[in-house]
Amino acid sequence: QLQLVESGGGLVQAGASLRLSCAASGRANSNFAMGWFRQAPGKERELVAAINWSRDYTYYQDSVKGRFTVSRDSGKRQAYLQMNNLEPTDTAVYYCAAGKILASEMNVQYWGRGTQVTVSA
């Protein structure tokens, strides 16, 4: 059983940067990938970025390529999403997730509760 807790969301102006953090605690039965999803009002939840256990594979949604960077600590229990040049269309609730990566998808085993990111024009 893993517990995931996000932090770092907030209200910023367009062009600003934020770094989201996700702390994983508890016991895992196997190695796990970590990723970030977001859900904007009226839209479906989408995978934004993900990173595997060994940190040698990353995935990014096309809309955030070149602006966002996903990483995790060497201890494997902390993940980050560095978000640069934020746009109003990035406004959403951002969720940390743990599970398996399948190319552009994640098989999610655990979810965080979400953190709000709001970008004003």
PDB file of N, CA and C in Angstrom:
ATOM      1  N   GLN A   1       0.833  -1.189   0.000  1.00  0.00           N
ATOM      2  CA  GLN A   1       0.000   0.000   0.000  1.00  0.00           C
ATOM      3  C   GLN A   1       0.871   1.244   0.000  1.00  0.00           C
ATOM      4  N   LEU A   2       0.620   2.123  -0.939  1.00  0.00           N
ATOM      5  CA  LEU A   2       1.301   3.402  -1.020  1.00  0.00           C
ATOM      6  C   LEU A   2       0.324   4.531  -0.739  1.00  0.00           C
ATOM      7  N   GLN A   3       0.833   5.589  -0.145  1.00  0.00           N
ATOM      8  CA  GLN A   3       0.116   6.837  -0.009  1.00  0.00           C
ATOM      9  C   GLN A   3       0.894   7.922  -0.743  1.00  0.00           C
ATOM     10  N   LEU A   4       0.192   8.727  -1.523  1.00  0.00           N
ATOM     11  CA  LEU A   4       0.805   9.779  -2.318  1.00  0.00           C
ATOM     12  C   LEU A   4       0.247  11.122  -1.875  1.00  0.00           C
ATOM     13  N   VAL A   5       1.128  12.082  -1.642  1.00  0.00           N
ATOM     14  CA  VAL A   5       0.729  13.410  -1.208  1.00  0.00           C
ATOM     15  C   VAL A   5       1.407  14.442  -2.088  1.00  0.00           C
ATOM     16  N   GLU A   6       0.588  15.256  -2.783  1.00  0.00           N
ATOM     17  CA  GLU A   6       1.104  16.308  -3.644  1.00  0.00           C
ATOM     18  C   GLU A   6       1.234  17.616  -2.871  1.00  0.00           C
ATOM     19  N   SER A   7       2.126  18.464  -3.364  1.00  0.00           N
ATOM     20  CA  SER A   7       2.260  19.812  -2.846  1.00  0.00           C
ATOM     21  C   SER A   7       2.833  20.699  -3.942  1.00  0.00           C
ATOM     22  N   GLY A   8       2.716  22.005  -3.766  1.00  0.00           N
ATOM     23  CA  GLY A   8       3.335  22.956  -4.674  1.00  0.00           C
ATOM     24  C   GLY A   8       2.401  23.684  -5.613  1.00  0.00           C
ATOM     25  N   GLY A   9       1.120  23.354  -5.608  1.00  0.00           N
ATOM     26  CA  GLY A   9       0.179  24.060  -6.456  1.00  0.00           C
ATOM     27  C   GLY A   9      -0.070  25.467  -5.963  1.00  0.00           C
ATOM     28  N   GLY A  10      -0.757  26.248  -6.794  1.00  0.00           N
ATOM     29  CA  GLY A  10      -1.053  27.613  -6.413  1.00  0.00           C
ATOM     30  C   GLY A  10      -1.585  28.422  -7.567  1.00  0.00           C
ATOM     31  N   LEU A  11      -1.697  29.719  -7.335  1.00  0.00           N
ATOM     32  CA  LEU A  11      -2.174  30.682  -8.324  1.00  0.00           C
ATOM     33  C   LEU A  11      -0.997  31.510  -8.812  1.00  0.00           C
ATOM     34  N   VAL A  12      -0.759  31.487 -10.127  1.00  0.00           N
ATOM     35  CA  VAL A  12       0.346  32.238 -10.725  1.00  0.00           C
ATOM     36  C   VAL A  12      -0.131  32.915 -11.991  1.00  0.00           C
ATOM     37  N   GLN A  13       0.672  33.856 -12.467  1.00  0.00           N
ATOM     38  CA  GLN A  13       0.394  34.535 -13.722  1.00  0.00           C
ATOM     39  C   GLN A  13       1.004  33.775 -14.891  1.00  0.00           C
ATOM     40  N   ALA A  14       0.448  33.979 -16.068  1.00  0.00           N
ATOM     41  CA  ALA A  14       0.981  33.365 -17.275  1.00  0.00           C
ATOM     42  C   ALA A  14       2.460  33.701 -17.432  1.00  0.00           C
ATOM     43  N   GLY A  15       3.242  32.688 -17.813  1.00  0.00           N
ATOM     44  CA  GLY A  15       4.672  32.844 -17.961  1.00  0.00           C
ATOM     45  C   GLY A  15       5.471  32.454 -16.737  1.00  0.00           C
ATOM     46  N   ALA A  16       4.816  32.285 -15.605  1.00  0.00           N
ATOM     47  CA  ALA A  16       5.489  31.928 -14.363  1.00  0.00           C
ATOM     48  C   ALA A  16       5.797  30.435 -14.323  1.00  0.00           C
ATOM     49  N   SER A  17       6.501  30.034 -13.263  1.00  0.00           N
ATOM     50  CA  SER A  17       6.886  28.641 -13.063  1.00  0.00           C
ATOM     51  C   SER A  17       6.384  28.131 -11.725  1.00  0.00           C
ATOM     52  N   LEU A  18       6.130  26.838 -11.668  1.00  0.00           N
ATOM     53  CA  LEU A  18       5.792  26.138 -10.441  1.00  0.00           C
ATOM     54  C   LEU A  18       6.479  24.783 -10.447  1.00  0.00           C
ATOM     55  N   ARG A  19       6.787  24.281  -9.269  1.00  0.00           N
ATOM     56  CA  ARG A  19       7.278  22.921  -9.134  1.00  0.00           C
ATOM     57  C   ARG A  19       6.363  22.147  -8.201  1.00  0.00           C
ATOM     58  N   LEU A  20       5.757  21.099  -8.726  1.00  0.00           N
ATOM     59  CA  LEU A  20       4.935  20.211  -7.932  1.00  0.00           C
ATOM     60  C   LEU A  20       5.784  19.079  -7.377  1.00  0.00           C
ATOM     61  N   SER A  21       5.471  18.662  -6.153  1.00  0.00           N
ATOM     62  CA  SER A  21       6.167  17.556  -5.512  1.00  0.00           C
ATOM     63  C   SER A  21       5.161  16.484  -5.131  1.00  0.00           C
ATOM     64  N   CYS A  22       5.606  15.240  -5.138  1.00  0.00           N
ATOM     65  CA  CYS A  22       4.783  14.117  -4.721  1.00  0.00           C
ATOM     66  C   CYS A  22       5.622  13.204  -3.849  1.00  0.00           C
ATOM     67  N   ALA A  23       5.187  13.000  -2.621  1.00  0.00           N
ATOM     68  CA  ALA A  23       5.872  12.124  -1.679  1.00  0.00           C
ATOM     69  C   ALA A  23       5.117  10.810  -1.569  1.00  0.00           C
ATOM     70  N   ALA A  24       5.819   9.710  -1.795  1.00  0.00           N
ATOM     71  CA  ALA A  24       5.248   8.378  -1.673  1.00  0.00           C
ATOM     72  C   ALA A  24       5.700   7.753  -0.362  1.00  0.00           C
ATOM     73  N   SER A  25       4.754   7.251   0.400  1.00  0.00           N
ATOM     74  CA  SER A  25       5.059   6.580   1.650  1.00  0.00           C
ATOM     75  C   SER A  25       4.327   5.249   1.712  1.00  0.00           C
ATOM     76  N   GLY A  26       4.720   4.424   2.665  1.00  0.00           N
ATOM     77  CA  GLY A  26       4.135   3.108   2.789  1.00  0.00           C
ATOM     78  C   GLY A  26       4.985   2.040   2.121  1.00  0.00           C
ATOM     79  N   ARG A  27       4.413   0.871   1.966  1.00  0.00           N
ATOM     80  CA  ARG A  27       5.137  -0.275   1.423  1.00  0.00           C
ATOM     81  C   ARG A  27       4.621  -0.624   0.048  1.00  0.00           C
ATOM     82  N   ALA A  28       5.553  -0.813  -0.883  1.00  0.00           N
ATOM     83  CA  ALA A  28       5.225  -1.239  -2.233  1.00  0.00           C
ATOM     84  C   ALA A  28       5.656  -2.681  -2.442  1.00  0.00           C
ATOM     85  N   ASN A  29       4.826  -3.465  -3.112  1.00  0.00           N
ATOM     86  CA  ASN A  29       5.157  -4.856  -3.383  1.00  0.00           C
ATOM     87  C   ASN A  29       6.099  -5.021  -4.565  1.00  0.00           C
ATOM     88  N   SER A  30       6.238  -3.986  -5.385  1.00  0.00           N
ATOM     89  CA  SER A  30       7.118  -4.031  -6.536  1.00  0.00           C
ATOM     90  C   SER A  30       7.561  -2.618  -6.879  1.00  0.00           C
ATOM     91  N   ASN A  31       8.531  -2.523  -7.779  1.00  0.00           N
ATOM     92  CA  ASN A  31       8.954  -1.214  -8.257  1.00  0.00           C
ATOM     93  C   ASN A  31       7.794  -0.522  -8.973  1.00  0.00           C
ATOM     94  N   PHE A  32       7.754   0.796  -8.889  1.00  0.00           N
ATOM     95  CA  PHE A  32       6.639   1.532  -9.463  1.00  0.00           C
ATOM     96  C   PHE A  32       7.124   2.768 -10.201  1.00  0.00           C
ATOM     97  N   ALA A  33       6.436   3.063 -11.280  1.00  0.00           N
ATOM     98  CA  ALA A  33       6.614   4.320 -11.979  1.00  0.00           C
ATOM     99  C   ALA A  33       5.760   5.388 -11.312  1.00  0.00           C
ATOM    100  N   MET A  34       6.095   6.644 -11.558  1.00  0.00           N
ATOM    101  CA  MET A  34       5.304   7.748 -11.036  1.00  0.00           C
ATOM    102  C   MET A  34       4.974   8.704 -12.171  1.00  0.00           C
ATOM    103  N   GLY A  35       3.791   9.275 -12.097  1.00  0.00           N
ATOM    104  CA  GLY A  35       3.352  10.174 -13.149  1.00  0.00           C
ATOM    105  C   GLY A  35       2.458  11.266 -12.620  1.00  0.00           C
ATOM    106  N   TRP A  36       2.156  12.187 -13.520  1.00  0.00           N
ATOM    107  CA  TRP A  36       1.288  13.316 -13.207  1.00  0.00           C
ATOM    108  C   TRP A  36       0.149  13.380 -14.205  1.00  0.00           C
ATOM    109  N   PHE A  37      -1.070  13.443 -13.696  1.00  0.00           N
ATOM    110  CA  PHE A  37      -2.269  13.664 -14.481  1.00  0.00           C
ATOM    111  C   PHE A  37      -2.822  15.045 -14.156  1.00  0.00           C
ATOM    112  N   ARG A  38      -3.685  15.543 -15.027  1.00  0.00           N
ATOM    113  CA  ARG A  38      -4.416  16.763 -14.721  1.00  0.00           C
ATOM    114  C   ARG A  38      -5.828  16.675 -15.279  1.00  0.00           C
ATOM    115  N   GLN A  39      -6.726  17.400 -14.634  1.00  0.00           N
ATOM    116  CA  GLN A  39      -8.106  17.459 -15.074  1.00  0.00           C
ATOM    117  C   GLN A  39      -8.594  18.894 -14.977  1.00  0.00           C
ATOM    118  N   ALA A  40      -8.917  19.460 -16.120  1.00  0.00           N
ATOM    119  CA  ALA A  40      -9.450  20.810 -16.193  1.00  0.00           C
ATOM    120  C   ALA A  40     -10.975  20.753 -16.170  1.00  0.00           C
ATOM    121  N   PRO A  41     -11.631  21.849 -15.795  1.00  0.00           N
ATOM    122  CA  PRO A  41     -13.093  21.870 -15.769  1.00  0.00           C
ATOM    123  C   PRO A  41     -13.688  21.493 -17.120  1.00  0.00           C
ATOM    124  N   GLY A  42     -14.628  20.558 -17.102  1.00  0.00           N
ATOM    125  CA  GLY A  42     -15.304  20.134 -18.316  1.00  0.00           C
ATOM    126  C   GLY A  42     -14.507  19.220 -19.217  1.00  0.00           C
ATOM    127  N   LYS A  43     -13.319  18.794 -18.789  1.00  0.00           N
ATOM    128  CA  LYS A  43     -12.477  17.940 -19.613  1.00  0.00           C
ATOM    129  C   LYS A  43     -12.126  16.655 -18.881  1.00  0.00           C
ATOM    130  N   GLU A  44     -11.707  15.656 -19.652  1.00  0.00           N
ATOM    131  CA  GLU A  44     -11.308  14.386 -19.074  1.00  0.00           C
ATOM    132  C   GLU A  44      -9.916  14.475 -18.471  1.00  0.00           C
ATOM    133  N   ARG A  45      -9.666  13.602 -17.496  1.00  0.00           N
ATOM    134  CA  ARG A  45      -8.345  13.531 -16.901  1.00  0.00           C
ATOM    135  C   ARG A  45      -7.343  13.003 -17.928  1.00  0.00           C
ATOM    136  N   GLU A  46      -6.171  13.637 -18.008  1.00  0.00           N
ATOM    137  CA  GLU A  46      -5.174  13.254 -18.986  1.00  0.00           C
ATOM    138  C   GLU A  46      -3.805  13.094 -18.342  1.00  0.00           C
ATOM    139  N   LEU A  47      -3.029  12.164 -18.875  1.00  0.00           N
ATOM    140  CA  LEU A  47      -1.659  11.971 -18.424  1.00  0.00           C
ATOM    141  C   LEU A  47      -0.795  13.090 -18.977  1.00  0.00           C
ATOM    142  N   VAL A  48      -0.082  13.778 -18.092  1.00  0.00           N
ATOM    143  CA  VAL A  48       0.767  14.896 -18.472  1.00  0.00           C
ATOM    144  C   VAL A  48       2.210  14.451 -18.661  1.00  0.00           C
ATOM    145  N   ALA A  49       2.739  13.713 -17.698  1.00  0.00           N
ATOM    146  CA  ALA A  49       4.128  13.273 -17.730  1.00  0.00           C
ATOM    147  C   ALA A  49       4.288  12.079 -16.807  1.00  0.00           C
ATOM    148  N   ALA A  50       5.293  11.248 -17.090  1.00  0.00           N
ATOM    149  CA  ALA A  50       5.555  10.077 -16.267  1.00  0.00           C
ATOM    150  C   ALA A  50       7.030   9.724 -16.333  1.00  0.00           C
ATOM    151  N   ILE A  51       7.499   9.018 -15.296  1.00  0.00           N
ATOM    152  CA  ILE A  51       8.887   8.589 -15.229  1.00  0.00           C
ATOM    153  C   ILE A  51       8.932   7.210 -14.597  1.00  0.00           C
ATOM    154  N   ASN A  52       9.796   6.345 -15.124  1.00  0.00           N
ATOM    155  CA  ASN A  52       9.833   4.983 -14.624  1.00  0.00           C
ATOM    156  C   ASN A  52      10.697   4.859 -13.379  1.00  0.00           C
ATOM    157  N   TRP A  53      10.739   3.644 -12.829  1.00  0.00           N
ATOM    158  CA  TRP A  53      11.454   3.392 -11.579  1.00  0.00           C
ATOM    159  C   TRP A  53      12.934   3.724 -11.676  1.00  0.00           C
ATOM    160  N   SER A  54      13.581   3.295 -12.743  1.00  0.00           N
ATOM    161  CA  SER A  54      15.022   3.464 -12.887  1.00  0.00           C
ATOM    162  C   SER A  54      15.419   4.819 -13.460  1.00  0.00           C
ATOM    163  N   ARG A  55      14.428   5.667 -13.755  1.00  0.00           N
ATOM    164  CA  ARG A  55      14.662   7.035 -14.219  1.00  0.00           C
ATOM    165  C   ARG A  55      15.368   7.106 -15.569  1.00  0.00           C
ATOM    166  N   ASP A  56      15.175   6.094 -16.407  1.00  0.00           N
ATOM    167  CA  ASP A  56      15.757   6.098 -17.745  1.00  0.00           C
ATOM    168  C   ASP A  56      14.702   6.189 -18.844  1.00  0.00           C
ATOM    169  N   TYR A  57      13.466   6.481 -18.473  1.00  0.00           N
ATOM    170  CA  TYR A  57      12.401   6.689 -19.437  1.00  0.00           C
ATOM    171  C   TYR A  57      11.439   7.737 -18.913  1.00  0.00           C
ATOM    172  N   THR A  58      11.082   8.681 -19.776  1.00  0.00           N
ATOM    173  CA  THR A  58      10.077   9.679 -19.442  1.00  0.00           C
ATOM    174  C   THR A  58       9.090   9.821 -20.581  1.00  0.00           C
ATOM    175  N   TYR A  59       7.889  10.231 -20.239  1.00  0.00           N
ATOM    176  CA  TYR A  59       6.843  10.504 -21.214  1.00  0.00           C
ATOM    177  C   TYR A  59       6.280  11.898 -20.949  1.00  0.00           C
ATOM    178  N   TYR A  60       5.959  12.624 -22.035  1.00  0.00           N
ATOM    179  CA  TYR A  60       5.326  13.928 -21.932  1.00  0.00           C
ATOM    180  C   TYR A  60       4.185  14.044 -22.920  1.00  0.00           C
ATOM    181  N   GLN A  61       3.085  14.610 -22.467  1.00  0.00           N
ATOM    182  CA  GLN A  61       2.003  14.980 -23.355  1.00  0.00           C
ATOM    183  C   GLN A  61       2.519  16.057 -24.311  1.00  0.00           C
ATOM    184  N   ASP A  62       2.051  16.017 -25.554  1.00  0.00           N
ATOM    185  CA  ASP A  62       2.547  16.953 -26.561  1.00  0.00           C
ATOM    186  C   ASP A  62       2.397  18.413 -26.131  1.00  0.00           C
ATOM    187  N   SER A  63       1.324  18.729 -25.445  1.00  0.00           N
ATOM    188  CA  SER A  63       1.045  20.113 -25.091  1.00  0.00           C
ATOM    189  C   SER A  63       2.014  20.696 -24.067  1.00  0.00           C
ATOM    190  N   VAL A  64       2.791  19.847 -23.386  1.00  0.00           N
ATOM    191  CA  VAL A  64       3.707  20.340 -22.353  1.00  0.00           C
ATOM    192  C   VAL A  64       5.166  20.095 -22.705  1.00  0.00           C
ATOM    193  N   LYS A  65       5.441  19.464 -23.833  1.00  0.00           N
ATOM    194  CA  LYS A  65       6.821  19.205 -24.222  1.00  0.00           C
ATOM    195  C   LYS A  65       7.596  20.508 -24.363  1.00  0.00           C
ATOM    196  N   GLY A  66       8.802  20.524 -23.796  1.00  0.00           N
ATOM    197  CA  GLY A  66       9.626  21.719 -23.821  1.00  0.00           C
ATOM    198  C   GLY A  66       9.357  22.687 -22.697  1.00  0.00           C
ATOM    199  N   ARG A  67       8.257  22.515 -21.978  1.00  0.00           N
ATOM    200  CA  ARG A  67       7.918  23.396 -20.863  1.00  0.00           C
ATOM    201  C   ARG A  67       7.960  22.694 -19.509  1.00  0.00           C
ATOM    202  N   PHE A  68       7.568  21.426 -19.472  1.00  0.00           N
ATOM    203  CA  PHE A  68       7.501  20.673 -18.223  1.00  0.00           C
ATOM    204  C   PHE A  68       8.613  19.636 -18.175  1.00  0.00           C
ATOM    205  N   THR A  69       9.093  19.338 -16.962  1.00  0.00           N
ATOM    206  CA  THR A  69      10.097  18.311 -16.747  1.00  0.00           C
ATOM    207  C   THR A  69       9.692  17.454 -15.556  1.00  0.00           C
ATOM    208  N   VAL A  70       9.645  16.145 -15.752  1.00  0.00           N
ATOM    209  CA  VAL A  70       9.324  15.224 -14.671  1.00  0.00           C
ATOM    210  C   VAL A  70      10.616  14.573 -14.183  1.00  0.00           C
ATOM    211  N   SER A  71      10.726  14.378 -12.879  1.00  0.00           N
ATOM    212  CA  SER A  71      11.916  13.771 -12.294  1.00  0.00           C
ATOM    213  C   SER A  71      11.525  13.053 -11.012  1.00  0.00           C
ATOM    214  N   ARG A  72      12.473  12.293 -10.452  1.00  0.00           N
ATOM    215  CA  ARG A  72      12.278  11.677  -9.145  1.00  0.00           C
ATOM    216  C   ARG A  72      13.616  11.534  -8.465  1.00  0.00           C
ATOM    217  N   ASP A  73      13.582  11.464  -7.137  1.00  0.00           N
ATOM    218  CA  ASP A  73      14.793  11.355  -6.355  1.00  0.00           C
ATOM    219  C   ASP A  73      15.446   9.998  -6.548  1.00  0.00           C
ATOM    220  N   SER A  74      16.744   9.934  -6.211  1.00  0.00           N
ATOM    221  CA  SER A  74      17.467   8.670  -6.287  1.00  0.00           C
ATOM    222  C   SER A  74      16.888   7.627  -5.347  1.00  0.00           C
ATOM    223  N   GLY A  75      16.249   8.068  -4.277  1.00  0.00           N
ATOM    224  CA  GLY A  75      15.595   7.159  -3.356  1.00  0.00           C
ATOM    225  C   GLY A  75      14.260   6.628  -3.846  1.00  0.00           C
ATOM    226  N   LYS A  76      13.786   7.121  -4.992  1.00  0.00           N
ATOM    227  CA  LYS A  76      12.604   6.627  -5.709  1.00  0.00           C
ATOM    228  C   LYS A  76      11.278   6.983  -5.050  1.00  0.00           C
ATOM    229  N   ARG A  77      11.293   7.718  -3.964  1.00  0.00           N
ATOM    230  CA  ARG A  77      10.074   7.970  -3.198  1.00  0.00           C
ATOM    231  C   ARG A  77       9.550   9.385  -3.334  1.00  0.00           C
ATOM    232  N   GLN A  78      10.176  10.195  -4.151  1.00  0.00           N
ATOM    233  CA  GLN A  78       9.754  11.571  -4.356  1.00  0.00           C
ATOM    234  C   GLN A  78       9.777  11.879  -5.851  1.00  0.00           C
ATOM    235  N   ALA A  79       8.675  12.377  -6.372  1.00  0.00           N
ATOM    236  CA  ALA A  79       8.585  12.773  -7.769  1.00  0.00           C
ATOM    237  C   ALA A  79       8.291  14.264  -7.856  1.00  0.00           C
ATOM    238  N   TYR A  80       8.680  14.859  -8.986  1.00  0.00           N
ATOM    239  CA  TYR A  80       8.522  16.288  -9.179  1.00  0.00           C
ATOM    240  C   TYR A  80       8.007  16.562 -10.584  1.00  0.00           C
ATOM    241  N   LEU A  81       7.321  17.667 -10.723  1.00  0.00           N
ATOM    242  CA  LEU A  81       6.942  18.177 -12.027  1.00  0.00           C
ATOM    243  C   LEU A  81       7.295  19.656 -12.068  1.00  0.00           C
ATOM    244  N   GLN A  82       8.372  19.978 -12.770  1.00  0.00           N
ATOM    245  CA  GLN A  82       8.772  21.364 -12.969  1.00  0.00           C
ATOM    246  C   GLN A  82       7.999  21.917 -14.149  1.00  0.00           C
ATOM    247  N   MET A  83       7.232  22.967 -13.917  1.00  0.00           N
ATOM    248  CA  MET A  83       6.375  23.556 -14.931  1.00  0.00           C
ATOM    249  C   MET A  83       6.842  24.978 -15.204  1.00  0.00           C
ATOM    250  N   ASN A  84       7.314  25.216 -16.423  1.00  0.00           N
ATOM    251  CA  ASN A  84       7.796  26.527 -16.831  1.00  0.00           C
ATOM    252  C   ASN A  84       6.888  27.120 -17.894  1.00  0.00           C
ATOM    253  N   ASN A  85       6.937  28.449 -18.007  1.00  0.00           N
ATOM    254  CA  ASN A  85       6.145  29.162 -19.011  1.00  0.00           C
ATOM    255  C   ASN A  85       4.689  28.722 -18.988  1.00  0.00           C
ATOM    256  N   LEU A  86       4.102  28.767 -17.812  1.00  0.00           N
ATOM    257  CA  LEU A  86       2.727  28.310 -17.649  1.00  0.00           C
ATOM    258  C   LEU A  86       1.747  29.162 -18.444  1.00  0.00           C
ATOM    259  N   GLU A  87       0.711  28.508 -18.925  1.00  0.00           N
ATOM    260  CA  GLU A  87      -0.334  29.136 -19.720  1.00  0.00           C
ATOM    261  C   GLU A  87      -1.683  28.949 -19.035  1.00  0.00           C
ATOM    262  N   PRO A  88      -2.646  29.823 -19.315  1.00  0.00           N
ATOM    263  CA  PRO A  88      -3.975  29.635 -18.715  1.00  0.00           C
ATOM    264  C   PRO A  88      -4.576  28.260 -19.000  1.00  0.00           C
ATOM    265  N   THR A  89      -4.257  27.663 -20.140  1.00  0.00           N
ATOM    266  CA  THR A  89      -4.772  26.340 -20.469  1.00  0.00           C
ATOM    267  C   THR A  89      -4.160  25.231 -19.619  1.00  0.00           C
ATOM    268  N   ASP A  90      -3.126  25.537 -18.837  1.00  0.00           N
ATOM    269  CA  ASP A  90      -2.569  24.578 -17.891  1.00  0.00           C
ATOM    270  C   ASP A  90      -3.377  24.505 -16.600  1.00  0.00           C
ATOM    271  N   THR A  91      -4.332  25.399 -16.427  1.00  0.00           N
ATOM    272  CA  THR A  91      -5.150  25.413 -15.219  1.00  0.00           C
ATOM    273  C   THR A  91      -5.905  24.094 -15.076  1.00  0.00           C
ATOM    274  N   ALA A  92      -5.717  23.439 -13.936  1.00  0.00           N
ATOM    275  CA  ALA A  92      -6.321  22.129 -13.699  1.00  0.00           C
ATOM    276  C   ALA A  92      -5.987  21.683 -12.289  1.00  0.00           C
ATOM    277  N   VAL A  93      -6.647  20.618 -11.859  1.00  0.00           N
ATOM    278  CA  VAL A  93      -6.217  19.886 -10.679  1.00  0.00           C
ATOM    279  C   VAL A  93      -5.192  18.860 -11.141  1.00  0.00           C
ATOM    280  N   TYR A  94      -4.024  18.871 -10.523  1.00  0.00           N
ATOM    281  CA  TYR A  94      -2.948  17.965 -10.880  1.00  0.00           C
ATOM    282  C   TYR A  94      -2.860  16.840  -9.858  1.00  0.00           C
ATOM    283  N   TYR A  95      -2.815  15.603 -10.360  1.00  0.00           N
ATOM    284  CA  TYR A  95      -2.801  14.415  -9.522  1.00  0.00           C
ATOM    285  C   TYR A  95      -1.507  13.633  -9.713  1.00  0.00           C
ATOM    286  N   CYS A  96      -0.891  13.250  -8.622  1.00  0.00           N
ATOM    287  CA  CYS A  96       0.221  12.320  -8.653  1.00  0.00           C
ATOM    288  C   CYS A  96      -0.319  10.896  -8.738  1.00  0.00           C
ATOM    289  N   ALA A  97       0.404  10.031  -9.446  1.00  0.00           N
ATOM    290  CA  ALA A  97      -0.020   8.647  -9.604  1.00  0.00           C
ATOM    291  C   ALA A  97       1.186   7.723  -9.559  1.00  0.00           C
ATOM    292  N   ALA A  98       0.959   6.504  -9.108  1.00  0.00           N
ATOM    293  CA  ALA A  98       1.989   5.467  -9.086  1.00  0.00           C
ATOM    294  C   ALA A  98       1.434   4.206  -9.721  1.00  0.00           C
ATOM    295  N   GLY A  99       2.267   3.527 -10.500  1.00  0.00           N
ATOM    296  CA  GLY A  99       1.839   2.303 -11.155  1.00  0.00           C
ATOM    297  C   GLY A  99       2.827   1.867 -12.208  1.00  0.00           C
ATOM    298  N   LYS A 100       2.303   1.477 -13.364  1.00  0.00           N
ATOM    299  CA  LYS A 100       3.116   0.989 -14.467  1.00  0.00           C
ATOM    300  C   LYS A 100       2.976   1.904 -15.665  1.00  0.00           C
ATOM    301  N   ILE A 101       4.078   2.088 -16.380  1.00  0.00           N
ATOM    302  CA  ILE A 101       4.060   2.859 -17.624  1.00  0.00           C
ATOM    303  C   ILE A 101       3.931   1.919 -18.809  1.00  0.00           C
ATOM    304  N   LEU A 102       3.003   2.228 -19.703  1.00  0.00           N
ATOM    305  CA  LEU A 102       2.888   1.556 -20.992  1.00  0.00           C
ATOM    306  C   LEU A 102       2.951   2.623 -22.071  1.00  0.00           C
ATOM    307  N   ALA A 103       4.154   2.992 -22.462  1.00  0.00           N
ATOM    308  CA  ALA A 103       4.385   4.028 -23.466  1.00  0.00           C
ATOM    309  C   ALA A 103       3.675   5.323 -23.063  1.00  0.00           C
ATOM    310  N   SER A 104       2.582   5.666 -23.766  1.00  0.00           N
ATOM    311  CA  SER A 104       1.868   6.910 -23.523  1.00  0.00           C
ATOM    312  C   SER A 104       0.741   6.773 -22.501  1.00  0.00           C
ATOM    313  N   GLU A 105       0.647   5.626 -21.834  1.00  0.00           N
ATOM    314  CA  GLU A 105      -0.405   5.380 -20.861  1.00  0.00           C
ATOM    315  C   GLU A 105       0.197   4.937 -19.537  1.00  0.00           C
ATOM    316  N   MET A 106      -0.601   5.034 -18.476  1.00  0.00           N
ATOM    317  CA  MET A 106      -0.223   4.499 -17.176  1.00  0.00           C
ATOM    318  C   MET A 106      -1.321   3.608 -16.642  1.00  0.00           C
ATOM    319  N   ASN A 107      -0.929   2.454 -16.129  1.00  0.00           N
ATOM    320  CA  ASN A 107      -1.813   1.601 -15.352  1.00  0.00           C
ATOM    321  C   ASN A 107      -1.654   2.024 -13.896  1.00  0.00           C
ATOM    322  N   VAL A 108      -2.592   2.825 -13.411  1.00  0.00           N
ATOM    323  CA  VAL A 108      -2.454   3.474 -12.113  1.00  0.00           C
ATOM    324  C   VAL A 108      -2.924   2.554 -10.997  1.00  0.00           C
ATOM    325  N   GLN A 109      -2.060   2.368 -10.003  1.00  0.00           N
ATOM    326  CA  GLN A 109      -2.402   1.588  -8.826  1.00  0.00           C
ATOM    327  C   GLN A 109      -2.793   2.479  -7.649  1.00  0.00           C
ATOM    328  N   TYR A 110      -2.191   3.667  -7.572  1.00  0.00           N
ATOM    329  CA  TYR A 110      -2.425   4.586  -6.461  1.00  0.00           C
ATOM    330  C   TYR A 110      -2.531   6.003  -6.977  1.00  0.00           C
ATOM    331  N   TRP A 111      -3.425   6.775  -6.358  1.00  0.00           N
ATOM    332  CA  TRP A 111      -3.647   8.177  -6.697  1.00  0.00           C
ATOM    333  C   TRP A 111      -3.410   9.076  -5.491  1.00  0.00           C
ATOM    334  N   GLY A 112      -2.844  10.247  -5.755  1.00  0.00           N
ATOM    335  CA  GLY A 112      -2.877  11.310  -4.773  1.00  0.00           C
ATOM    336  C   GLY A 112      -4.218  12.010  -4.801  1.00  0.00           C
ATOM    337  N   ARG A 113      -4.433  12.937  -3.885  1.00  0.00           N
ATOM    338  CA  ARG A 113      -5.713  13.620  -3.774  1.00  0.00           C
ATOM    339  C   ARG A 113      -5.817  14.859  -4.642  1.00  0.00           C
ATOM    340  N   GLY A 114      -4.720  15.300  -5.213  1.00  0.00           N
ATOM    341  CA  GLY A 114      -4.735  16.407  -6.153  1.00  0.00           C
ATOM    342  C   GLY A 114      -4.303  17.722  -5.544  1.00  0.00           C
ATOM    343  N   THR A 115      -3.762  18.587  -6.396  1.00  0.00           N
ATOM    344  CA  THR A 115      -3.407  19.945  -6.004  1.00  0.00           C
ATOM    345  C   THR A 115      -3.796  20.891  -7.132  1.00  0.00           C
ATOM    346  N   GLN A 116      -4.388  22.019  -6.775  1.00  0.00           N
ATOM    347  CA  GLN A 116      -4.913  22.954  -7.765  1.00  0.00           C
ATOM    348  C   GLN A 116      -3.804  23.842  -8.310  1.00  0.00           C
ATOM    349  N   VAL A 117      -3.746  23.950  -9.634  1.00  0.00           N
ATOM    350  CA  VAL A 117      -2.880  24.898 -10.323  1.00  0.00           C
ATOM    351  C   VAL A 117      -3.767  25.829 -11.130  1.00  0.00           C
ATOM    352  N   THR A 118      -3.669  27.119 -10.861  1.00  0.00           N
ATOM    353  CA  THR A 118      -4.447  28.115 -11.575  1.00  0.00           C
ATOM    354  C   THR A 118      -3.505  29.138 -12.187  1.00  0.00           C
ATOM    355  N   VAL A 119      -3.635  29.354 -13.490  1.00  0.00           N
ATOM    356  CA  VAL A 119      -2.781  30.285 -14.221  1.00  0.00           C
ATOM    357  C   VAL A 119      -3.656  31.386 -14.785  1.00  0.00           C
ATOM    358  N   SER A 120      -3.428  32.605 -14.349  1.00  0.00           N
ATOM    359  CA  SER A 120      -4.207  33.743 -14.802  1.00  0.00           C
ATOM    360  C   SER A 120      -3.534  34.399 -15.999  1.00  0.00           C
ATOM    361  N   ALA A 121      -4.350  35.001 -16.862  1.00  0.00           N
ATOM    362  CA  ALA A 121      -3.842  35.671 -18.046  1.00  0.00           C
ATOM    363  C   ALA A 121      -3.186  37.005 -17.688  1.00  0.00           C
TER     364      ALA A 121
END
